[in-house]
All heavy atoms as atom14 arrays in JSON, in Angstrom:
{
  "sequence": "RVKGLTTAAGLWAAAIIGLACGAGYVECAVFSTLV",
  "atom14_mask": [
    [1, 1, 1, 1, 1, 1, 1, 1, 1, 1, 1, 0, 0, 0],
    [1, 1, 1, 1, 1, 1, 1, 0, 0, 0, 0, 0, 0, 0],
    [1, 1, 1, 1, 1, 1, 1, 1, 1, 0, 0, 0, 0, 0],
    [1, 1, 1, 1, 0, 0, 0, 0, 0, 0, 0, 0, 0, 0],
    [1, 1, 1, 1, 1, 1, 1, 1, 0, 0, 0, 0, 0, 0],
    [1, 1, 1, 1, 1, 1, 1, 0, 0, 0, 0, 0, 0, 0],
    [1, 1, 1, 1, 1, 1, 1, 0, 0, 0, 0, 0, 0, 0],
    [1, 1, 1, 1, 1, 0, 0, 0, 0, 0, 0, 0, 0, 0],
    [1, 1, 1, 1, 1, 0, 0, 0, 0, 0, 0, 0, 0, 0],
    [1, 1, 1, 1, 0, 0, 0, 0, 0, 0, 0, 0, 0, 0],
    [1, 1, 1, 1, 1, 1, 1, 1, 0, 0, 0, 0, 0, 0],
    [1, 1, 1, 1, 1, 1, 1, 1, 1, 1, 1, 1, 1, 1],
    [1, 1, 1, 1, 1, 0, 0, 0, 0, 0, 0, 0, 0, 0],
    [1, 1, 1, 1, 1, 0, 0, 0, 0, 0, 0, 0, 0, 0],
    [1, 1, 1, 1, 1, 0, 0, 0, 0, 0, 0, 0, 0, 0],
    [1, 1, 1, 1, 1, 1, 1, 1, 0, 0, 0, 0, 0, 0],
    [1, 1, 1, 1, 1, 1, 1, 1, 0, 0, 0, 0, 0, 0],
    [1, 1, 1, 1, 0, 0, 0, 0, 0, 0, 0, 0, 0, 0],
    [1, 1, 1, 1, 1, 1, 1, 1, 0, 0, 0, 0, 0, 0],
    [1, 1, 1, 1, 1, 0, 0, 0, 0, 0, 0, 0, 0, 0],
    [1, 1, 1, 1, 1, 1, 0, 0, 0, 0, 0, 0, 0, 0],
    [1, 1, 1, 1, 0, 0, 0, 0, 0, 0, 0, 0, 0, 0],
    [1, 1, 1, 1, 1, 0, 0, 0, 0, 0, 0, 0, 0, 0],
    [1, 1, 1, 1, 0, 0, 0, 0, 0, 0, 0, 0, 0, 0],
    [1, 1, 1, 1, 1, 1, 1, 1, 1, 1, 1, 1, 0, 0],
    [1, 1, 1, 1, 1, 1, 1, 0, 0, 0, 0, 0, 0, 0],
    [1, 1, 1, 1, 1, 1, 1, 1, 1, 0, 0, 0, 0, 0],
    [1, 1, 1, 1, 1, 1, 0, 0, 0, 0, 0, 0, 0, 0],
    [1, 1, 1, 1, 1, 0, 0, 0, 0, 0, 0, 0, 0, 0],
    [1, 1, 1, 1, 1, 1, 1, 0, 0, 0, 0, 0, 0, 0],
    [1, 1, 1, 1, 1, 1, 1, 1, 1, 1, 1, 0, 0, 0],
    [1, 1, 1, 1, 1, 1, 0, 0, 0, 0, 0, 0, 0, 0],
    [1, 1, 1, 1, 1, 1, 1, 0, 0, 0, 0, 0, 0, 0],
    [1, 1, 1, 1, 1, 1, 1, 1, 0, 0, 0, 0, 0, 0],
    [1, 1, 1, 1, 1, 1, 1, 0, 0, 0, 0, 0, 0, 0]
  ],
  "atom14_positions": [
    [[29.15, -89.68, 224.96], [29.91, -88.42, 224.83], [28.98, -87.36, 224.25], [28.19, -87.55, 223.35], [31.2, -88.57, 223.99], [32.15, -89.6, 224.55], [33.39, -89.72, 223.56], [34.27, -90.81, 224.12], [35.25, -90.57, 224.98], [35.46, -89.4, 225.49], [36.05, -91.49, 225.4], [0.0, 0.0, 0.0], [0.0, 0.0, 0.0], [0.0, 0.0, 0.0]],
    [[29.27, -86.12, 224.73], [28.39, -84.94, 224.31], [29.07, -84.24, 223.17], [30.2, -83.86, 223.23], [28.12, -84.05, 225.54], [27.24, -82.79, 225.07], [27.48, -84.77, 226.61], [0.0, 0.0, 0.0], [0.0, 0.0, 0.0], [0.0, 0.0, 0.0], [0.0, 0.0, 0.0], [0.0, 0.0, 0.0], [0.0, 0.0, 0.0], [0.0, 0.0, 0.0]],
    [[28.25, -84.0, 222.11], [28.86, -83.44, 221.02], [27.91, -82.23, 220.57], [26.59, -82.35, 220.71], [28.99, -84.34, 219.85], [30.01, -85.48, 219.98], [30.19, -86.31, 218.76], [30.89, -85.39, 217.75], [31.16, -86.45, 216.48], [0.0, 0.0, 0.0], [0.0, 0.0, 0.0], [0.0, 0.0, 0.0], [0.0, 0.0, 0.0], [0.0, 0.0, 0.0]],
    [[28.39, -81.19, 219.97], [27.66, -80.1, 219.52], [27.66, -78.89, 220.45], [26.99, -77.81, 220.04], [0.0, 0.0, 0.0], [0.0, 0.0, 0.0], [0.0, 0.0, 0.0], [0.0, 0.0, 0.0], [0.0, 0.0, 0.0], [0.0, 0.0, 0.0], [0.0, 0.0, 0.0], [0.0, 0.0, 0.0], [0.0, 0.0, 0.0], [0.0, 0.0, 0.0]],
    [[28.36, -78.91, 221.51], [28.37, -77.73, 222.34], [29.02, -76.57, 221.76], [28.46, -75.42, 221.95], [29.03, -78.15, 223.82], [28.27, -79.05, 224.67], [29.18, -79.37, 225.89], [27.02, -78.31, 225.18], [0.0, 0.0, 0.0], [0.0, 0.0, 0.0], [0.0, 0.0, 0.0], [0.0, 0.0, 0.0], [0.0, 0.0, 0.0], [0.0, 0.0, 0.0]],
    [[30.11, -76.77, 221.03], [30.77, -75.7, 220.37], [29.86, -75.06, 219.32], [29.74, -73.79, 219.17], [32.07, -76.14, 219.69], [32.94, -76.74, 220.75], [32.8, -75.0, 219.11], [0.0, 0.0, 0.0], [0.0, 0.0, 0.0], [0.0, 0.0, 0.0], [0.0, 0.0, 0.0], [0.0, 0.0, 0.0], [0.0, 0.0, 0.0], [0.0, 0.0, 0.0]],
    [[29.19, -75.81, 218.53], [28.21, -75.33, 217.51], [27.16, -74.5, 218.18], [26.74, -73.53, 217.74], [27.66, -76.56, 216.69], [28.66, -77.2, 216.17], [26.63, -75.99, 215.67], [0.0, 0.0, 0.0], [0.0, 0.0, 0.0], [0.0, 0.0, 0.0], [0.0, 0.0, 0.0], [0.0, 0.0, 0.0], [0.0, 0.0, 0.0], [0.0, 0.0, 0.0]],
    [[26.53, -75.0, 219.45], [25.5, -74.29, 220.05], [26.0, -72.91, 220.49], [25.28, -71.99, 220.44], [25.0, -75.18, 221.23], [0.0, 0.0, 0.0], [0.0, 0.0, 0.0], [0.0, 0.0, 0.0], [0.0, 0.0, 0.0], [0.0, 0.0, 0.0], [0.0, 0.0, 0.0], [0.0, 0.0, 0.0], [0.0, 0.0, 0.0], [0.0, 0.0, 0.0]],
    [[27.27, -72.96, 221.07], [27.72, -71.61, 221.58], [28.08, -70.78, 220.45], [27.9, -69.54, 220.51], [29.03, -71.89, 222.24], [0.0, 0.0, 0.0], [0.0, 0.0, 0.0], [0.0, 0.0, 0.0], [0.0, 0.0, 0.0], [0.0, 0.0, 0.0], [0.0, 0.0, 0.0], [0.0, 0.0, 0.0], [0.0, 0.0, 0.0], [0.0, 0.0, 0.0]],
    [[28.51, -71.28, 219.22], [28.76, -70.44, 218.02], [27.41, -69.82, 217.55], [27.34, -68.71, 217.04], [0.0, 0.0, 0.0], [0.0, 0.0, 0.0], [0.0, 0.0, 0.0], [0.0, 0.0, 0.0], [0.0, 0.0, 0.0], [0.0, 0.0, 0.0], [0.0, 0.0, 0.0], [0.0, 0.0, 0.0], [0.0, 0.0, 0.0], [0.0, 0.0, 0.0]],
    [[26.28, -70.55, 217.59], [24.95, -70.0, 217.22], [24.62, -68.89, 218.16], [24.15, -67.9, 217.63], [23.96, -71.1, 217.27], [24.03, -72.17, 216.2], [22.99, -73.28, 216.46], [23.71, -71.6, 214.84], [0.0, 0.0, 0.0], [0.0, 0.0, 0.0], [0.0, 0.0, 0.0], [0.0, 0.0, 0.0], [0.0, 0.0, 0.0], [0.0, 0.0, 0.0]],
    [[24.85, -69.09, 219.38], [24.6, -67.96, 220.41], [25.49, -66.79, 220.1], [24.91, -65.69, 220.08], [24.8, -68.53, 221.73], [24.3, -67.55, 222.82], [23.11, -67.31, 223.25], [25.2, -66.79, 223.65], [23.04, -66.43, 224.33], [24.4, -66.1, 224.62], [26.61, -66.67, 223.86], [24.97, -65.22, 225.59], [27.06, -65.85, 224.74], [26.35, -65.18, 225.64]],
    [[26.71, -66.98, 219.87], [27.52, -65.83, 219.56], [27.23, -65.16, 218.26], [27.16, -63.98, 218.07], [29.0, -66.27, 219.39], [0.0, 0.0, 0.0], [0.0, 0.0, 0.0], [0.0, 0.0, 0.0], [0.0, 0.0, 0.0], [0.0, 0.0, 0.0], [0.0, 0.0, 0.0], [0.0, 0.0, 0.0], [0.0, 0.0, 0.0], [0.0, 0.0, 0.0]],
    [[26.7, -65.93, 217.15], [26.36, -65.46, 215.92], [25.1, -64.51, 216.13], [24.93, -63.48, 215.44], [26.07, -66.51, 214.91], [0.0, 0.0, 0.0], [0.0, 0.0, 0.0], [0.0, 0.0, 0.0], [0.0, 0.0, 0.0], [0.0, 0.0, 0.0], [0.0, 0.0, 0.0], [0.0, 0.0, 0.0], [0.0, 0.0, 0.0], [0.0, 0.0, 0.0]],
    [[24.15, -64.92, 216.98], [22.96, -64.11, 217.27], [23.37, -62.82, 217.83], [22.85, -61.7, 217.43], [22.03, -64.83, 218.07], [0.0, 0.0, 0.0], [0.0, 0.0, 0.0], [0.0, 0.0, 0.0], [0.0, 0.0, 0.0], [0.0, 0.0, 0.0], [0.0, 0.0, 0.0], [0.0, 0.0, 0.0], [0.0, 0.0, 0.0], [0.0, 0.0, 0.0]],
    [[24.27, -62.8, 218.78], [24.71, -61.52, 219.4], [25.45, -60.69, 218.45], [25.33, -59.35, 218.39], [25.53, -61.79, 220.74], [24.65, -62.65, 221.7], [26.06, -60.48, 221.32], [25.43, -63.02, 222.85], [0.0, 0.0, 0.0], [0.0, 0.0, 0.0], [0.0, 0.0, 0.0], [0.0, 0.0, 0.0], [0.0, 0.0, 0.0], [0.0, 0.0, 0.0]],
    [[26.33, -61.29, 217.61], [27.04, -60.57, 216.52], [25.89, -59.9, 215.52], [26.1, -58.78, 215.19], [27.95, -61.49, 215.64], [29.08, -61.85, 216.62], [28.4, -60.81, 214.43], [30.02, -62.89, 216.06], [0.0, 0.0, 0.0], [0.0, 0.0, 0.0], [0.0, 0.0, 0.0], [0.0, 0.0, 0.0], [0.0, 0.0, 0.0], [0.0, 0.0, 0.0]],
    [[24.87, -60.66, 215.26], [23.84, -60.01, 214.59], [23.21, -58.85, 215.13], [22.81, -57.79, 214.41], [0.0, 0.0, 0.0], [0.0, 0.0, 0.0], [0.0, 0.0, 0.0], [0.0, 0.0, 0.0], [0.0, 0.0, 0.0], [0.0, 0.0, 0.0], [0.0, 0.0, 0.0], [0.0, 0.0, 0.0], [0.0, 0.0, 0.0], [0.0, 0.0, 0.0]],
    [[22.99, -58.97, 216.46], [22.44, -57.71, 217.19], [23.35, -56.49, 216.99], [22.83, -55.36, 216.81], [22.24, -58.16, 218.62], [21.19, -59.07, 218.99], [21.23, -59.35, 220.55], [19.82, -58.67, 218.6], [0.0, 0.0, 0.0], [0.0, 0.0, 0.0], [0.0, 0.0, 0.0], [0.0, 0.0, 0.0], [0.0, 0.0, 0.0], [0.0, 0.0, 0.0]],
    [[24.75, -56.8, 217.09], [25.62, -55.68, 216.91], [25.62, -55.2, 215.51], [25.68, -53.93, 215.23], [26.95, -56.28, 217.2], [0.0, 0.0, 0.0], [0.0, 0.0, 0.0], [0.0, 0.0, 0.0], [0.0, 0.0, 0.0], [0.0, 0.0, 0.0], [0.0, 0.0, 0.0], [0.0, 0.0, 0.0], [0.0, 0.0, 0.0], [0.0, 0.0, 0.0]],
    [[25.42, -56.07, 214.45], [25.37, -55.57, 213.02], [24.08, -54.72, 212.91], [24.22, -53.72, 212.2], [25.26, -56.74, 212.15], [26.71, -57.73, 212.01], [0.0, 0.0, 0.0], [0.0, 0.0, 0.0], [0.0, 0.0, 0.0], [0.0, 0.0, 0.0], [0.0, 0.0, 0.0], [0.0, 0.0, 0.0], [0.0, 0.0, 0.0], [0.0, 0.0, 0.0]],
    [[23.04, -55.21, 213.44], [21.74, -54.35, 213.36], [21.85, -52.99, 214.01], [21.17, -52.06, 213.61], [0.0, 0.0, 0.0], [0.0, 0.0, 0.0], [0.0, 0.0, 0.0], [0.0, 0.0, 0.0], [0.0, 0.0, 0.0], [0.0, 0.0, 0.0], [0.0, 0.0, 0.0], [0.0, 0.0, 0.0], [0.0, 0.0, 0.0], [0.0, 0.0, 0.0]],
    [[22.65, -52.83, 215.07], [22.78, -51.69, 215.81], [23.84, -50.81, 215.02], [23.96, -49.55, 215.41], [23.25, -51.92, 217.25], [0.0, 0.0, 0.0], [0.0, 0.0, 0.0], [0.0, 0.0, 0.0], [0.0, 0.0, 0.0], [0.0, 0.0, 0.0], [0.0, 0.0, 0.0], [0.0, 0.0, 0.0], [0.0, 0.0, 0.0], [0.0, 0.0, 0.0]],
    [[24.5, -51.26, 214.04], [25.53, -50.49, 213.35], [26.88, -50.45, 213.99], [27.75, -49.68, 213.73], [0.0, 0.0, 0.0], [0.0, 0.0, 0.0], [0.0, 0.0, 0.0], [0.0, 0.0, 0.0], [0.0, 0.0, 0.0], [0.0, 0.0, 0.0], [0.0, 0.0, 0.0], [0.0, 0.0, 0.0], [0.0, 0.0, 0.0], [0.0, 0.0, 0.0]],
    [[27.1, -51.32, 214.97], [28.27, -51.45, 215.71], [29.26, -52.35, 215.0], [29.63, -53.45, 215.33], [28.02, -52.05, 217.16], [29.14, -51.81, 218.16], [30.34, -51.05, 217.84], [29.0, -52.28, 219.4], [31.32, -50.92, 218.74], [30.02, -52.05, 220.35], [31.25, -51.38, 220.02], [32.15, -51.23, 220.97], [0.0, 0.0, 0.0], [0.0, 0.0, 0.0]],
    [[29.77, -51.73, 213.89], [30.54, -52.49, 212.9], [31.85, -53.06, 213.43], [32.26, -54.13, 213.26], [30.9, -51.7, 211.69], [31.72, -52.4, 210.6], [29.53, -51.06, 210.99], [0.0, 0.0, 0.0], [0.0, 0.0, 0.0], [0.0, 0.0, 0.0], [0.0, 0.0, 0.0], [0.0, 0.0, 0.0], [0.0, 0.0, 0.0], [0.0, 0.0, 0.0]],
    [[32.57, -52.19, 214.27], [33.82, -52.57, 214.76], [33.67, -53.87, 215.73], [34.46, -54.85, 215.62], [34.43, -51.56, 215.71], [34.59, -50.23, 214.96], [33.32, -49.28, 215.22], [32.21, -49.76, 215.02], [33.51, -48.17, 215.57], [0.0, 0.0, 0.0], [0.0, 0.0, 0.0], [0.0, 0.0, 0.0], [0.0, 0.0, 0.0], [0.0, 0.0, 0.0]],
    [[32.54, -53.77, 216.58], [32.46, -55.05, 217.47], [32.04, -56.21, 216.69], [32.49, -57.33, 216.99], [31.34, -54.67, 218.52], [30.87, -55.98, 219.55], [0.0, 0.0, 0.0], [0.0, 0.0, 0.0], [0.0, 0.0, 0.0], [0.0, 0.0, 0.0], [0.0, 0.0, 0.0], [0.0, 0.0, 0.0], [0.0, 0.0, 0.0], [0.0, 0.0, 0.0]],
    [[31.13, -56.1, 215.63], [30.75, -57.23, 214.85], [31.83, -57.93, 214.17], [32.06, -59.19, 214.23], [29.71, -56.78, 213.93], [0.0, 0.0, 0.0], [0.0, 0.0, 0.0], [0.0, 0.0, 0.0], [0.0, 0.0, 0.0], [0.0, 0.0, 0.0], [0.0, 0.0, 0.0], [0.0, 0.0, 0.0], [0.0, 0.0, 0.0], [0.0, 0.0, 0.0]],
    [[32.7, -57.15, 213.51], [33.87, -57.62, 212.74], [34.88, -58.37, 213.67], [35.28, -59.46, 213.39], [34.53, -56.59, 211.84], [35.85, -57.03, 211.26], [33.51, -56.05, 210.79], [0.0, 0.0, 0.0], [0.0, 0.0, 0.0], [0.0, 0.0, 0.0], [0.0, 0.0, 0.0], [0.0, 0.0, 0.0], [0.0, 0.0, 0.0], [0.0, 0.0, 0.0]],
    [[35.22, -57.66, 214.79], [36.18, -58.09, 215.66], [35.71, -59.42, 216.42], [36.55, -60.34, 216.51], [36.7, -57.13, 216.71], [37.63, -57.53, 217.78], [39.02, -57.73, 217.33], [37.27, -58.02, 219.02], [39.93, -58.1, 218.26], [38.18, -58.37, 219.92], [39.55, -58.47, 219.54], [0.0, 0.0, 0.0], [0.0, 0.0, 0.0], [0.0, 0.0, 0.0]],
    [[34.49, -59.39, 216.8], [33.85, -60.61, 217.32], [33.95, -61.86, 216.42], [34.13, -62.95, 216.78], [32.42, -60.26, 217.89], [32.46, -59.28, 218.8], [0.0, 0.0, 0.0], [0.0, 0.0, 0.0], [0.0, 0.0, 0.0], [0.0, 0.0, 0.0], [0.0, 0.0, 0.0], [0.0, 0.0, 0.0], [0.0, 0.0, 0.0], [0.0, 0.0, 0.0]],
    [[33.61, -61.55, 215.13], [33.56, -62.62, 214.18], [34.97, -63.21, 214.09], [35.18, -64.47, 214.03], [33.15, -62.13, 212.81], [31.88, -61.67, 212.91], [33.1, -63.23, 211.7], [0.0, 0.0, 0.0], [0.0, 0.0, 0.0], [0.0, 0.0, 0.0], [0.0, 0.0, 0.0], [0.0, 0.0, 0.0], [0.0, 0.0, 0.0], [0.0, 0.0, 0.0]],
    [[36.02, -62.32, 214.16], [37.42, -62.9, 213.97], [37.82, -63.67, 215.22], [38.43, -64.71, 215.1], [38.34, -61.66, 213.85], [38.18, -60.93, 212.56], [39.16, -59.68, 212.51], [38.51, -61.82, 211.2], [0.0, 0.0, 0.0], [0.0, 0.0, 0.0], [0.0, 0.0, 0.0], [0.0, 0.0, 0.0], [0.0, 0.0, 0.0], [0.0, 0.0, 0.0]],
    [[37.3, -63.26, 216.41], [37.63, -64.01, 217.57], [36.94, -65.27, 217.59], [37.57, -66.27, 218.05], [37.1, -63.11, 218.83], [37.28, -64.0, 220.12], [38.0, -61.86, 219.0], [0.0, 0.0, 0.0], [0.0, 0.0, 0.0], [0.0, 0.0, 0.0], [0.0, 0.0, 0.0], [0.0, 0.0, 0.0], [0.0, 0.0, 0.0], [0.0, 0.0, 0.0]]
  ]
}
């Protein structure tokens, strides 16, 4: 059985949220974190 796919996808999403934070796109970063 394959485990860890959700964690890997979460890491990828966290990296993109970090890009939004660095750009000052606060609304997108906060909303994406909640999602």
